[in-house]
Protein backbone atom coordinates (compact mmCIF):
# COMPACT_ATOMS: atom_id res chain seq x y z
CA UNK A 1 0.00 0.00 0.00
CA UNK A 2 2.45 2.65 -1.16
CA UNK A 3 1.12 6.09 -2.04
CA UNK A 4 2.99 9.25 -2.89
CA UNK A 5 0.42 11.41 -1.12
CA UNK A 6 -2.86 10.67 0.58
CA UNK A 7 -5.63 12.48 2.43
CA UNK A 8 -7.93 11.15 5.17
CA UNK A 9 -11.43 12.64 4.76
CA UNK A 10 -12.62 11.25 8.12
CA UNK A 11 -10.09 13.50 9.88
CA UNK A 12 -11.07 16.68 8.06
CA UNK A 13 -12.30 19.50 10.35
CA UNK A 14 -11.47 17.58 13.55
CA UNK A 15 -9.81 19.60 16.31
CA UNK A 16 -6.52 18.07 17.43
CA UNK A 17 -6.00 17.90 21.19
CA UNK A 18 -2.68 16.10 21.22
CA UNK A 19 -0.07 14.66 18.83
CA UNK A 20 2.65 12.19 19.73
CA UNK A 21 5.16 9.86 18.13
CA UNK A 22 6.25 6.50 19.57
CA UNK A 23 9.26 4.50 18.38
CA UNK A 24 10.28 1.50 20.47
CA UNK A 25 10.81 -2.27 20.19
CA UNK A 26 7.04 -2.86 20.14
CA UNK A 27 6.03 -0.52 17.30
CA UNK A 28 6.59 2.81 15.57
CA UNK A 29 3.54 5.06 15.20
CA UNK A 30 2.26 8.62 15.00
CA UNK A 31 -0.87 9.34 17.05
CA UNK A 32 -3.42 12.16 16.74
CA UNK A 33 -5.95 12.58 19.55
CA UNK A 34 -8.99 14.76 18.87
CA UNK A 35 -11.31 16.88 21.00
CA UNK A 36 -14.23 14.52 20.25
CA UNK A 37 -12.39 11.72 22.16
CA UNK A 38 -11.30 9.84 19.04
CA UNK A 39 -7.77 8.90 18.05
CA UNK A 40 -5.98 8.17 14.77
CA UNK A 41 -2.88 5.97 14.68
CA UNK A 42 -0.46 5.83 11.78
CA UNK A 43 1.74 2.73 12.03
CA UNK A 44 5.13 3.19 10.41
CA UNK A 45 7.09 0.31 8.94
CA UNK A 46 10.61 1.60 9.55
CA UNK A 47 12.30 3.44 12.35
CA UNK A 48 12.27 7.20 11.86
CA UNK A 49 14.91 9.73 12.72
CA UNK A 50 14.46 13.45 12.30
CA UNK A 51 17.05 15.12 10.10
CA UNK A 52 16.28 18.37 11.88
CA UNK A 53 13.90 19.58 14.54
CA UNK A 54 10.21 19.42 13.56
CA UNK A 55 8.92 22.88 12.65
CA UNK A 56 5.70 24.86 12.55
CA UNK A 57 4.92 27.90 10.44
CA UNK A 58 2.20 30.39 9.60
CA UNK A 59 0.50 30.52 6.23
CA UNK A 60 0.20 34.06 4.88
CA UNK A 61 -2.95 35.14 2.97
CA UNK A 62 -0.98 34.81 -0.29
CA UNK A 63 -0.02 31.21 0.58
CA UNK A 64 3.59 31.92 1.58
CA UNK A 65 4.94 29.99 4.57
CA UNK A 66 6.33 32.38 7.18
CA UNK A 67 7.42 32.61 10.83
CA UNK A 68 9.06 29.19 11.05
CA UNK A 69 9.88 27.96 14.54
CA UNK A 70 11.06 24.65 16.03
CA UNK A 71 8.48 22.59 17.90
CA UNK A 72 9.23 21.78 21.54
CA UNK A 73 9.27 18.12 22.54
CA UNK A 74 8.13 16.45 25.72
CA UNK A 75 8.85 12.84 26.64
CA UNK A 76 5.92 10.48 27.19
CA UNK A 77 5.34 8.63 30.42
CA UNK A 78 6.18 4.90 29.97
CA UNK A 79 2.51 3.82 30.05
CA UNK A 80 1.29 6.21 27.31
CA UNK A 81 0.66 4.83 23.84
C-alpha atoms as a PDB file:
ATOM      1  CA  UNK A   1       0.000   0.000   0.000  1.00  0.00           C
ATOM      2  CA  UNK A   2       2.454   2.649  -1.164  1.00  0.00           C
ATOM      3  CA  UNK A   3       1.115   6.088  -2.039  1.00  0.00           C
ATOM      4  CA  UNK A   4       2.991   9.250  -2.888  1.00  0.00           C
ATOM      5  CA  UNK A   5       0.422  11.414  -1.120  1.00  0.00           C
ATOM      6  CA  UNK A   6      -2.860  10.668   0.576  1.00  0.00           C
ATOM      7  CA  UNK A   7      -5.630  12.476   2.431  1.00  0.00           C
ATOM      8  CA  UNK A   8      -7.926  11.153   5.170  1.00  0.00           C
ATOM      9  CA  UNK A   9     -11.429  12.636   4.759  1.00  0.00           C
ATOM     10  CA  UNK A  10     -12.619  11.248   8.122  1.00  0.00           C
ATOM     11  CA  UNK A  11     -10.090  13.497   9.879  1.00  0.00           C
ATOM     12  CA  UNK A  12     -11.067  16.680   8.064  1.00  0.00           C
ATOM     13  CA  UNK A  13     -12.297  19.496  10.351  1.00  0.00           C
ATOM     14  CA  UNK A  14     -11.467  17.579  13.551  1.00  0.00           C
ATOM     15  CA  UNK A  15      -9.810  19.600  16.306  1.00  0.00           C
ATOM     16  CA  UNK A  16      -6.522  18.067  17.434  1.00  0.00           C
ATOM     17  CA  UNK A  17      -5.998  17.902  21.194  1.00  0.00           C
ATOM     18  CA  UNK A  18      -2.682  16.101  21.218  1.00  0.00           C
ATOM     19  CA  UNK A  19      -0.067  14.659  18.827  1.00  0.00           C
ATOM     20  CA  UNK A  20       2.652  12.187  19.730  1.00  0.00           C
ATOM     21  CA  UNK A  21       5.160   9.858  18.127  1.00  0.00           C
ATOM     22  CA  UNK A  22       6.249   6.496  19.565  1.00  0.00           C
ATOM     23  CA  UNK A  23       9.260   4.501  18.384  1.00  0.00           C
ATOM     24  CA  UNK A  24      10.283   1.499  20.475  1.00  0.00           C
ATOM     25  CA  UNK A  25      10.813  -2.270  20.187  1.00  0.00           C
ATOM     26  CA  UNK A  26       7.038  -2.861  20.144  1.00  0.00           C
ATOM     27  CA  UNK A  27       6.031  -0.522  17.300  1.00  0.00           C
ATOM     28  CA  UNK A  28       6.593   2.812  15.572  1.00  0.00           C
ATOM     29  CA  UNK A  29       3.541   5.061  15.200  1.00  0.00           C
ATOM     30  CA  UNK A  30       2.256   8.617  14.997  1.00  0.00           C
ATOM     31  CA  UNK A  31      -0.870   9.341  17.046  1.00  0.00           C
ATOM     32  CA  UNK A  32      -3.418  12.160  16.742  1.00  0.00           C
ATOM     33  CA  UNK A  33      -5.945  12.580  19.546  1.00  0.00           C
ATOM     34  CA  UNK A  34      -8.990  14.761  18.865  1.00  0.00           C
ATOM     35  CA  UNK A  35     -11.306  16.880  20.997  1.00  0.00           C
ATOM     36  CA  UNK A  36     -14.233  14.519  20.252  1.00  0.00           C
ATOM     37  CA  UNK A  37     -12.389  11.721  22.155  1.00  0.00           C
ATOM     38  CA  UNK A  38     -11.300   9.839  19.043  1.00  0.00           C
ATOM     39  CA  UNK A  39      -7.769   8.897  18.050  1.00  0.00           C
ATOM     40  CA  UNK A  40      -5.983   8.167  14.768  1.00  0.00           C
ATOM     41  CA  UNK A  41      -2.883   5.967  14.684  1.00  0.00           C
ATOM     42  CA  UNK A  42      -0.465   5.826  11.776  1.00  0.00           C
ATOM     43  CA  UNK A  43       1.744   2.734  12.032  1.00  0.00           C
ATOM     44  CA  UNK A  44       5.132   3.194  10.413  1.00  0.00           C
ATOM     45  CA  UNK A  45       7.091   0.305   8.941  1.00  0.00           C
ATOM     46  CA  UNK A  46      10.611   1.599   9.546  1.00  0.00           C
ATOM     47  CA  UNK A  47      12.305   3.442  12.350  1.00  0.00           C
ATOM     48  CA  UNK A  48      12.267   7.196  11.856  1.00  0.00           C
ATOM     49  CA  UNK A  49      14.914   9.733  12.716  1.00  0.00           C
ATOM     50  CA  UNK A  50      14.455  13.455  12.295  1.00  0.00           C
ATOM     51  CA  UNK A  51      17.045  15.119  10.098  1.00  0.00           C
ATOM     52  CA  UNK A  52      16.279  18.367  11.877  1.00  0.00           C
ATOM     53  CA  UNK A  53      13.900  19.579  14.544  1.00  0.00           C
ATOM     54  CA  UNK A  54      10.205  19.420  13.560  1.00  0.00           C
ATOM     55  CA  UNK A  55       8.917  22.876  12.651  1.00  0.00           C
ATOM     56  CA  UNK A  56       5.696  24.860  12.548  1.00  0.00           C
ATOM     57  CA  UNK A  57       4.920  27.901  10.437  1.00  0.00           C
ATOM     58  CA  UNK A  58       2.200  30.388   9.605  1.00  0.00           C
ATOM     59  CA  UNK A  59       0.500  30.517   6.229  1.00  0.00           C
ATOM     60  CA  UNK A  60       0.198  34.064   4.882  1.00  0.00           C
ATOM     61  CA  UNK A  61      -2.950  35.137   2.972  1.00  0.00           C
ATOM     62  CA  UNK A  62      -0.978  34.812  -0.285  1.00  0.00           C
ATOM     63  CA  UNK A  63      -0.016  31.214   0.583  1.00  0.00           C
ATOM     64  CA  UNK A  64       3.586  31.917   1.584  1.00  0.00           C
ATOM     65  CA  UNK A  65       4.944  29.988   4.572  1.00  0.00           C
ATOM     66  CA  UNK A  66       6.331  32.383   7.181  1.00  0.00           C
ATOM     67  CA  UNK A  67       7.419  32.614  10.827  1.00  0.00           C
ATOM     68  CA  UNK A  68       9.061  29.194  11.049  1.00  0.00           C
ATOM     69  CA  UNK A  69       9.879  27.956  14.540  1.00  0.00           C
ATOM     70  CA  UNK A  70      11.056  24.655  16.033  1.00  0.00           C
ATOM     71  CA  UNK A  71       8.480  22.586  17.904  1.00  0.00           C
ATOM     72  CA  UNK A  72       9.234  21.783  21.542  1.00  0.00           C
ATOM     73  CA  UNK A  73       9.269  18.125  22.535  1.00  0.00           C
ATOM     74  CA  UNK A  74       8.126  16.453  25.721  1.00  0.00           C
ATOM     75  CA  UNK A  75       8.850  12.836  26.645  1.00  0.00           C
ATOM     76  CA  UNK A  76       5.925  10.479  27.187  1.00  0.00           C
ATOM     77  CA  UNK A  77       5.345   8.632  30.420  1.00  0.00           C
ATOM     78  CA  UNK A  78       6.183   4.898  29.972  1.00  0.00           C
ATOM     79  CA  UNK A  79       2.505   3.825  30.047  1.00  0.00           C
ATOM     80  CA  UNK A  80       1.292   6.212  27.309  1.00  0.00           C
ATOM     81  CA  UNK A  81       0.657   4.826  23.836  1.00  0.00           C
END
